[in-house]
Amino acid sequence: MTSIDGFITLVRDDLGLAISDADVDRPLDEIAGWDSIHLLTLLGALERAEGRSLSLPDALEATTLRGLYDVAVTG
């Protein structure tokens, strides 16, 4: 995944959440339908997309989708 747009597409396709660009910086608890299962599902999808393991502690500290994207692209 090379862009935030690809990340948004992954969230839409793998989680079935109808997010927009405006949701990327919104706190996770303000995203319609978001719950902790989505975090784990997204982490798995990101690991498959990146072809490597991602840090669960770093993902748990992310408070926005952009934060999760940053975990995916920076390791």
PDB file of N, CA and C in Angstrom:
ATOM      1  N   MET A   1       0.850  -1.162   0.000  1.00  0.00           N
ATOM      2  CA  MET A   1       0.000   0.000   0.000  1.00  0.00           C
ATOM      3  C   MET A   1       0.897   1.227   0.000  1.00  0.00           C
ATOM      4  N   THR A   2       0.698   2.064  -0.981  1.00  0.00           N
ATOM      5  CA  THR A   2       1.597   3.190  -1.115  1.00  0.00           C
ATOM      6  C   THR A   2       0.947   4.527  -0.820  1.00  0.00           C
ATOM      7  N   SER A   3      -0.348   4.546  -0.653  1.00  0.00           N
ATOM      8  CA  SER A   3      -1.000   5.841  -0.463  1.00  0.00           C
ATOM      9  C   SER A   3      -2.140   5.739   0.534  1.00  0.00           C
ATOM     10  N   ILE A   4      -2.531   6.892   1.051  1.00  0.00           N
ATOM     11  CA  ILE A   4      -3.677   6.931   1.957  1.00  0.00           C
ATOM     12  C   ILE A   4      -4.947   6.537   1.201  1.00  0.00           C
ATOM     13  N   ASP A   5      -5.006   6.830  -0.090  1.00  0.00           N
ATOM     14  CA  ASP A   5      -6.173   6.438  -0.889  1.00  0.00           C
ATOM     15  C   ASP A   5      -6.298   4.913  -0.958  1.00  0.00           C
ATOM     16  N   GLY A   6      -5.166   4.226  -1.123  1.00  0.00           N
ATOM     17  CA  GLY A   6      -5.186   2.763  -1.119  1.00  0.00           C
ATOM     18  C   GLY A   6      -5.624   2.220   0.230  1.00  0.00           C
ATOM     19  N   PHE A   7      -5.208   2.897   1.286  1.00  0.00           N
ATOM     20  CA  PHE A   7      -5.609   2.509   2.635  1.00  0.00           C
ATOM     21  C   PHE A   7      -7.119   2.662   2.805  1.00  0.00           C
ATOM     22  N   ILE A   8      -7.665   3.774   2.343  1.00  0.00           N
ATOM     23  CA  ILE A   8      -9.114   4.004   2.448  1.00  0.00           C
ATOM     24  C   ILE A   8      -9.875   2.929   1.677  1.00  0.00           C
ATOM     25  N   THR A   9      -9.392   2.587   0.509  1.00  0.00           N
ATOM     26  CA  THR A   9     -10.026   1.532  -0.281  1.00  0.00           C
ATOM     27  C   THR A   9      -9.985   0.210   0.466  1.00  0.00           C
ATOM     28  N   LEU A  10      -8.854  -0.103   1.090  1.00  0.00           N
ATOM     29  CA  LEU A  10      -8.722  -1.335   1.865  1.00  0.00           C
ATOM     30  C   LEU A  10      -9.723  -1.348   3.020  1.00  0.00           C
ATOM     31  N   VAL A  11      -9.856  -0.231   3.724  1.00  0.00           N
ATOM     32  CA  VAL A  11     -10.813  -0.149   4.839  1.00  0.00           C
ATOM     33  C   VAL A  11     -12.231  -0.382   4.325  1.00  0.00           C
ATOM     34  N   ARG A  12     -12.561   0.251   3.221  1.00  0.00           N
ATOM     35  CA  ARG A  12     -13.914   0.090   2.656  1.00  0.00           C
ATOM     36  C   ARG A  12     -14.164  -1.357   2.249  1.00  0.00           C
ATOM     37  N   ASP A  13     -13.192  -1.948   1.527  1.00  0.00           N
ATOM     38  CA  ASP A  13     -13.383  -3.285   0.974  1.00  0.00           C
ATOM     39  C   ASP A  13     -13.307  -4.377   2.037  1.00  0.00           C
ATOM     40  N   ASP A  14     -12.343  -4.282   2.934  1.00  0.00           N
ATOM     41  CA  ASP A  14     -12.126  -5.368   3.895  1.00  0.00           C
ATOM     42  C   ASP A  14     -12.994  -5.242   5.140  1.00  0.00           C
ATOM     43  N   LEU A  15     -13.344  -4.029   5.519  1.00  0.00           N
ATOM     44  CA  LEU A  15     -14.165  -3.849   6.724  1.00  0.00           C
ATOM     45  C   LEU A  15     -15.619  -3.552   6.398  1.00  0.00           C
ATOM     46  N   GLY A  16     -15.886  -3.156   5.172  1.00  0.00           N
ATOM     47  CA  GLY A  16     -17.249  -2.827   4.790  1.00  0.00           C
ATOM     48  C   GLY A  16     -17.752  -1.535   5.417  1.00  0.00           C
ATOM     49  N   LEU A  17     -16.824  -0.672   5.798  1.00  0.00           N
ATOM     50  CA  LEU A  17     -17.206   0.610   6.375  1.00  0.00           C
ATOM     51  C   LEU A  17     -17.200   1.665   5.264  1.00  0.00           C
ATOM     52  N   ALA A  18     -18.252   2.435   5.197  1.00  0.00           N
ATOM     53  CA  ALA A  18     -18.368   3.473   4.176  1.00  0.00           C
ATOM     54  C   ALA A  18     -17.702   4.746   4.675  1.00  0.00           C
ATOM     55  N   ILE A  19     -16.371   4.754   4.639  1.00  0.00           N
ATOM     56  CA  ILE A  19     -15.644   5.931   5.117  1.00  0.00           C
ATOM     57  C   ILE A  19     -15.312   6.841   3.953  1.00  0.00           C
ATOM     58  N   SER A  20     -15.054   8.098   4.287  1.00  0.00           N
ATOM     59  CA  SER A  20     -14.633   9.073   3.281  1.00  0.00           C
ATOM     60  C   SER A  20     -13.257   9.611   3.682  1.00  0.00           C
ATOM     61  N   ASP A  21     -12.699  10.440   2.832  1.00  0.00           N
ATOM     62  CA  ASP A  21     -11.414  11.067   3.156  1.00  0.00           C
ATOM     63  C   ASP A  21     -11.493  11.827   4.475  1.00  0.00           C
ATOM     64  N   ALA A  22     -12.639  12.418   4.769  1.00  0.00           N
ATOM     65  CA  ALA A  22     -12.823  13.201   5.996  1.00  0.00           C
ATOM     66  C   ALA A  22     -12.735  12.345   7.250  1.00  0.00           C
ATOM     67  N   ASP A  23     -12.969  11.041   7.128  1.00  0.00           N
ATOM     68  CA  ASP A  23     -12.938  10.154   8.295  1.00  0.00           C
ATOM     69  C   ASP A  23     -11.522   9.766   8.713  1.00  0.00           C
ATOM     70  N   VAL A  24     -10.549   9.983   7.861  1.00  0.00           N
ATOM     71  CA  VAL A  24      -9.185   9.522   8.128  1.00  0.00           C
ATOM     72  C   VAL A  24      -8.611  10.144   9.399  1.00  0.00           C
ATOM     73  N   ASP A  25      -8.951  11.394   9.667  1.00  0.00           N
ATOM     74  CA  ASP A  25      -8.417  12.061  10.855  1.00  0.00           C
ATOM     75  C   ASP A  25      -9.427  12.152  11.996  1.00  0.00           C
ATOM     76  N   ARG A  26     -10.555  11.511  11.828  1.00  0.00           N
ATOM     77  CA  ARG A  26     -11.590  11.500  12.864  1.00  0.00           C
ATOM     78  C   ARG A  26     -11.213  10.446  13.913  1.00  0.00           C
ATOM     79  N   PRO A  27     -11.434  10.727  15.205  1.00  0.00           N
ATOM     80  CA  PRO A  27     -11.173   9.687  16.214  1.00  0.00           C
ATOM     81  C   PRO A  27     -11.937   8.400  15.886  1.00  0.00           C
ATOM     82  N   LEU A  28     -11.284   7.276  16.122  1.00  0.00           N
ATOM     83  CA  LEU A  28     -11.891   5.993  15.747  1.00  0.00           C
ATOM     84  C   LEU A  28     -13.277   5.810  16.357  1.00  0.00           C
ATOM     85  N   ASP A  29     -13.461   6.278  17.587  1.00  0.00           N
ATOM     86  CA  ASP A  29     -14.759   6.079  18.230  1.00  0.00           C
ATOM     87  C   ASP A  29     -15.854   6.974  17.649  1.00  0.00           C
ATOM     88  N   GLU A  30     -15.504   7.851  16.720  1.00  0.00           N
ATOM     89  CA  GLU A  30     -16.500   8.690  16.046  1.00  0.00           C
ATOM     90  C   GLU A  30     -16.830   8.181  14.644  1.00  0.00           C
ATOM     91  N   ILE A  31     -16.183   7.099  14.223  1.00  0.00           N
ATOM     92  CA  ILE A  31     -16.455   6.526  12.904  1.00  0.00           C
ATOM     93  C   ILE A  31     -17.648   5.580  13.028  1.00  0.00           C
ATOM     94  N   ALA A  32     -18.664   5.847  12.224  1.00  0.00           N
ATOM     95  CA  ALA A  32     -19.895   5.058  12.289  1.00  0.00           C
ATOM     96  C   ALA A  32     -19.598   3.573  12.090  1.00  0.00           C
ATOM     97  N   GLY A  33     -20.011   2.763  13.042  1.00  0.00           N
ATOM     98  CA  GLY A  33     -19.870   1.318  12.950  1.00  0.00           C
ATOM     99  C   GLY A  33     -18.547   0.771  13.449  1.00  0.00           C
ATOM    100  N   TRP A  34     -17.596   1.639  13.806  1.00  0.00           N
ATOM    101  CA  TRP A  34     -16.267   1.176  14.236  1.00  0.00           C
ATOM    102  C   TRP A  34     -16.352   0.489  15.591  1.00  0.00           C
ATOM    103  N   ASP A  35     -15.662  -0.653  15.735  1.00  0.00           N
ATOM    104  CA  ASP A  35     -15.506  -1.301  17.035  1.00  0.00           C
ATOM    105  C   ASP A  35     -14.150  -1.999  17.080  1.00  0.00           C
ATOM    106  N   SER A  36     -13.851  -2.609  18.207  1.00  0.00           N
ATOM    107  CA  SER A  36     -12.529  -3.210  18.391  1.00  0.00           C
ATOM    108  C   SER A  36     -12.265  -4.365  17.423  1.00  0.00           C
ATOM    109  N   ILE A  37     -13.307  -5.042  17.001  1.00  0.00           N
ATOM    110  CA  ILE A  37     -13.126  -6.124  16.025  1.00  0.00           C
ATOM    111  C   ILE A  37     -12.612  -5.555  14.703  1.00  0.00           C
ATOM    112  N   HIS A  38     -13.079  -4.374  14.351  1.00  0.00           N
ATOM    113  CA  HIS A  38     -12.584  -3.740  13.124  1.00  0.00           C
ATOM    114  C   HIS A  38     -11.081  -3.490  13.213  1.00  0.00           C
ATOM    115  N   LEU A  39     -10.603  -3.107  14.384  1.00  0.00           N
ATOM    116  CA  LEU A  39      -9.165  -2.868  14.546  1.00  0.00           C
ATOM    117  C   LEU A  39      -8.377  -4.137  14.247  1.00  0.00           C
ATOM    118  N   LEU A  40      -8.799  -5.248  14.820  1.00  0.00           N
ATOM    119  CA  LEU A  40      -8.083  -6.507  14.598  1.00  0.00           C
ATOM    120  C   LEU A  40      -8.200  -6.966  13.145  1.00  0.00           C
ATOM    121  N   THR A  41      -9.377  -6.814  12.567  1.00  0.00           N
ATOM    122  CA  THR A  41      -9.573  -7.185  11.163  1.00  0.00           C
ATOM    123  C   THR A  41      -8.708  -6.318  10.257  1.00  0.00           C
ATOM    124  N   LEU A  42      -8.677  -5.026  10.541  1.00  0.00           N
ATOM    125  CA  LEU A  42      -7.862  -4.108   9.735  1.00  0.00           C
ATOM    126  C   LEU A  42      -6.383  -4.419   9.889  1.00  0.00           C
ATOM    127  N   LEU A  43      -5.948  -4.728  11.086  1.00  0.00           N
ATOM    128  CA  LEU A  43      -4.537  -5.057  11.304  1.00  0.00           C
ATOM    129  C   LEU A  43      -4.149  -6.279  10.473  1.00  0.00           C
ATOM    130  N   GLY A  44      -4.997  -7.285  10.445  1.00  0.00           N
ATOM    131  CA  GLY A  44      -4.730  -8.466   9.615  1.00  0.00           C
ATOM    132  C   GLY A  44      -4.683  -8.127   8.133  1.00  0.00           C
ATOM    133  N   ALA A  45      -5.609  -7.300   7.695  1.00  0.00           N
ATOM    134  CA  ALA A  45      -5.640  -6.902   6.280  1.00  0.00           C
ATOM    135  C   ALA A  45      -4.397  -6.089   5.918  1.00  0.00           C
ATOM    136  N   LEU A  46      -3.984  -5.223   6.828  1.00  0.00           N
ATOM    137  CA  LEU A  46      -2.781  -4.428   6.570  1.00  0.00           C
ATOM    138  C   LEU A  46      -1.536  -5.317   6.520  1.00  0.00           C
ATOM    139  N   GLU A  47      -1.477  -6.300   7.396  1.00  0.00           N
ATOM    140  CA  GLU A  47      -0.329  -7.219   7.383  1.00  0.00           C
ATOM    141  C   GLU A  47      -0.282  -7.993   6.067  1.00  0.00           C
ATOM    142  N   ARG A  48      -1.434  -8.432   5.582  1.00  0.00           N
ATOM    143  CA  ARG A  48      -1.464  -9.132   4.289  1.00  0.00           C
ATOM    144  C   ARG A  48      -1.027  -8.179   3.168  1.00  0.00           C
ATOM    145  N   ALA A  49      -1.515  -6.947   3.212  1.00  0.00           N
ATOM    146  CA  ALA A  49      -1.177  -5.974   2.160  1.00  0.00           C
ATOM    147  C   ALA A  49       0.296  -5.619   2.179  1.00  0.00           C
ATOM    148  N   GLU A  50       0.862  -5.515   3.378  1.00  0.00           N
ATOM    149  CA  GLU A  50       2.268  -5.115   3.509  1.00  0.00           C
ATOM    150  C   GLU A  50       3.221  -6.308   3.446  1.00  0.00           C
ATOM    151  N   GLY A  51       2.699  -7.504   3.649  1.00  0.00           N
ATOM    152  CA  GLY A  51       3.542  -8.695   3.604  1.00  0.00           C
ATOM    153  C   GLY A  51       4.469  -8.829   4.789  1.00  0.00           C
ATOM    154  N   ARG A  52       4.078  -8.231   5.904  1.00  0.00           N
ATOM    155  CA  ARG A  52       4.898  -8.322   7.123  1.00  0.00           C
ATOM    156  C   ARG A  52       4.014  -8.077   8.339  1.00  0.00           C
ATOM    157  N   SER A  53       4.545  -8.462   9.498  1.00  0.00           N
ATOM    158  CA  SER A  53       3.826  -8.235  10.749  1.00  0.00           C
ATOM    159  C   SER A  53       3.894  -6.764  11.126  1.00  0.00           C
ATOM    160  N   LEU A  54       2.834  -6.299  11.757  1.00  0.00           N
ATOM    161  CA  LEU A  54       2.782  -4.928  12.257  1.00  0.00           C
ATOM    162  C   LEU A  54       2.712  -4.964  13.773  1.00  0.00           C
ATOM    163  N   SER A  55       3.104  -3.891  14.394  1.00  0.00           N
ATOM    164  CA  SER A  55       3.140  -3.805  15.851  1.00  0.00           C
ATOM    165  C   SER A  55       1.731  -3.630  16.424  1.00  0.00           C
ATOM    166  N   LEU A  56       1.257  -4.629  17.171  1.00  0.00           N
ATOM    167  CA  LEU A  56      -0.051  -4.511  17.822  1.00  0.00           C
ATOM    168  C   LEU A  56      -0.052  -3.374  18.838  1.00  0.00           C
ATOM    169  N   PRO A  57       0.999  -3.239  19.688  1.00  0.00           N
ATOM    170  CA  PRO A  57       0.994  -2.104  20.623  1.00  0.00           C
ATOM    171  C   PRO A  57       0.908  -0.752  19.912  1.00  0.00           C
ATOM    172  N   ASP A  58       1.624  -0.602  18.789  1.00  0.00           N
ATOM    173  CA  ASP A  58       1.551   0.658  18.042  1.00  0.00           C
ATOM    174  C   ASP A  58       0.145   0.861  17.476  1.00  0.00           C
ATOM    175  N   ALA A  59      -0.464  -0.214  16.973  1.00  0.00           N
ATOM    176  CA  ALA A  59      -1.820  -0.109  16.424  1.00  0.00           C
ATOM    177  C   ALA A  59      -2.818   0.258  17.522  1.00  0.00           C
ATOM    178  N   LEU A  60      -2.633  -0.292  18.714  1.00  0.00           N
ATOM    179  CA  LEU A  60      -3.549   0.011  19.818  1.00  0.00           C
ATOM    180  C   LEU A  60      -3.414   1.465  20.272  1.00  0.00           C
ATOM    181  N   GLU A  61      -2.252   2.065  20.063  1.00  0.00           N
ATOM    182  CA  GLU A  61      -2.061   3.465  20.437  1.00  0.00           C
ATOM    183  C   GLU A  61      -2.628   4.432  19.408  1.00  0.00           C
ATOM    184  N   ALA A  62      -2.884   3.961  18.198  1.00  0.00           N
ATOM    185  CA  ALA A  62      -3.437   4.830  17.154  1.00  0.00           C
ATOM    186  C   ALA A  62      -4.857   5.233  17.526  1.00  0.00           C
ATOM    187  N   THR A  63      -5.162   6.501  17.360  1.00  0.00           N
ATOM    188  CA  THR A  63      -6.499   6.989  17.708  1.00  0.00           C
ATOM    189  C   THR A  63      -7.323   7.364  16.485  1.00  0.00           C
ATOM    190  N   THR A  64      -6.682   7.314  15.307  1.00  0.00           N
ATOM    191  CA  THR A  64      -7.375   7.640  14.057  1.00  0.00           C
ATOM    192  C   THR A  64      -6.976   6.617  12.985  1.00  0.00           C
ATOM    193  N   LEU A  65      -7.720   6.617  11.891  1.00  0.00           N
ATOM    194  CA  LEU A  65      -7.338   5.758  10.772  1.00  0.00           C
ATOM    195  C   LEU A  65      -5.983   6.176  10.211  1.00  0.00           C
ATOM    196  N   ARG A  66      -5.706   7.470  10.192  1.00  0.00           N
ATOM    197  CA  ARG A  66      -4.385   7.915   9.719  1.00  0.00           C
ATOM    198  C   ARG A  66      -3.280   7.353  10.615  1.00  0.00           C
ATOM    199  N   GLY A  67      -3.534   7.287  11.907  1.00  0.00           N
ATOM    200  CA  GLY A  67      -2.573   6.692  12.818  1.00  0.00           C
ATOM    201  C   GLY A  67      -2.325   5.231  12.482  1.00  0.00           C
ATOM    202  N   LEU A  68      -3.373   4.500  12.142  1.00  0.00           N
ATOM    203  CA  LEU A  68      -3.216   3.097  11.743  1.00  0.00           C
ATOM    204  C   LEU A  68      -2.484   2.997  10.406  1.00  0.00           C
ATOM    205  N   TYR A  69      -2.776   3.906   9.500  1.00  0.00           N
ATOM    206  CA  TYR A  69      -2.050   3.946   8.225  1.00  0.00           C
ATOM    207  C   TYR A  69      -0.560   4.171   8.484  1.00  0.00           C
ATOM    208  N   ASP A  70      -0.251   5.098   9.378  1.00  0.00           N
ATOM    209  CA  ASP A  70       1.150   5.373   9.704  1.00  0.00           C
ATOM    210  C   ASP A  70       1.842   4.137  10.276  1.00  0.00           C
ATOM    211  N   VAL A  71       1.141   3.385  11.123  1.00  0.00           N
ATOM    212  CA  VAL A  71       1.704   2.140  11.666  1.00  0.00           C
ATOM    213  C   VAL A  71       2.015   1.184  10.520  1.00  0.00           C
ATOM    214  N   ALA A  72       1.124   1.131   9.537  1.00  0.00           N
ATOM    215  CA  ALA A  72       1.313   0.203   8.420  1.00  0.00           C
ATOM    216  C   ALA A  72       2.487   0.599   7.542  1.00  0.00           C
ATOM    217  N   VAL A  73       2.650   1.874   7.295  1.00  0.00           N
ATOM    218  CA  VAL A  73       3.692   2.288   6.344  1.00  0.00           C
ATOM    219  C   VAL A  73       5.055   2.523   6.997  1.00  0.00           C
ATOM    220  N   THR A  74       5.050   2.759   8.315  1.00  0.00           N
ATOM    221  CA  THR A  74       6.338   3.006   8.965  1.00  0.00           C
ATOM    222  C   THR A  74       6.829   1.808   9.770  1.00  0.00           C
ATOM    223  N   GLY A  75       5.989   0.823   9.903  1.00  0.00           N
ATOM    224  CA  GLY A  75       6.437  -0.378  10.592  1.00  0.00           C
ATOM    225  C   GLY A  75       5.959  -0.428  11.959  1.00  0.00           C
TER     226      GLY A  75
END
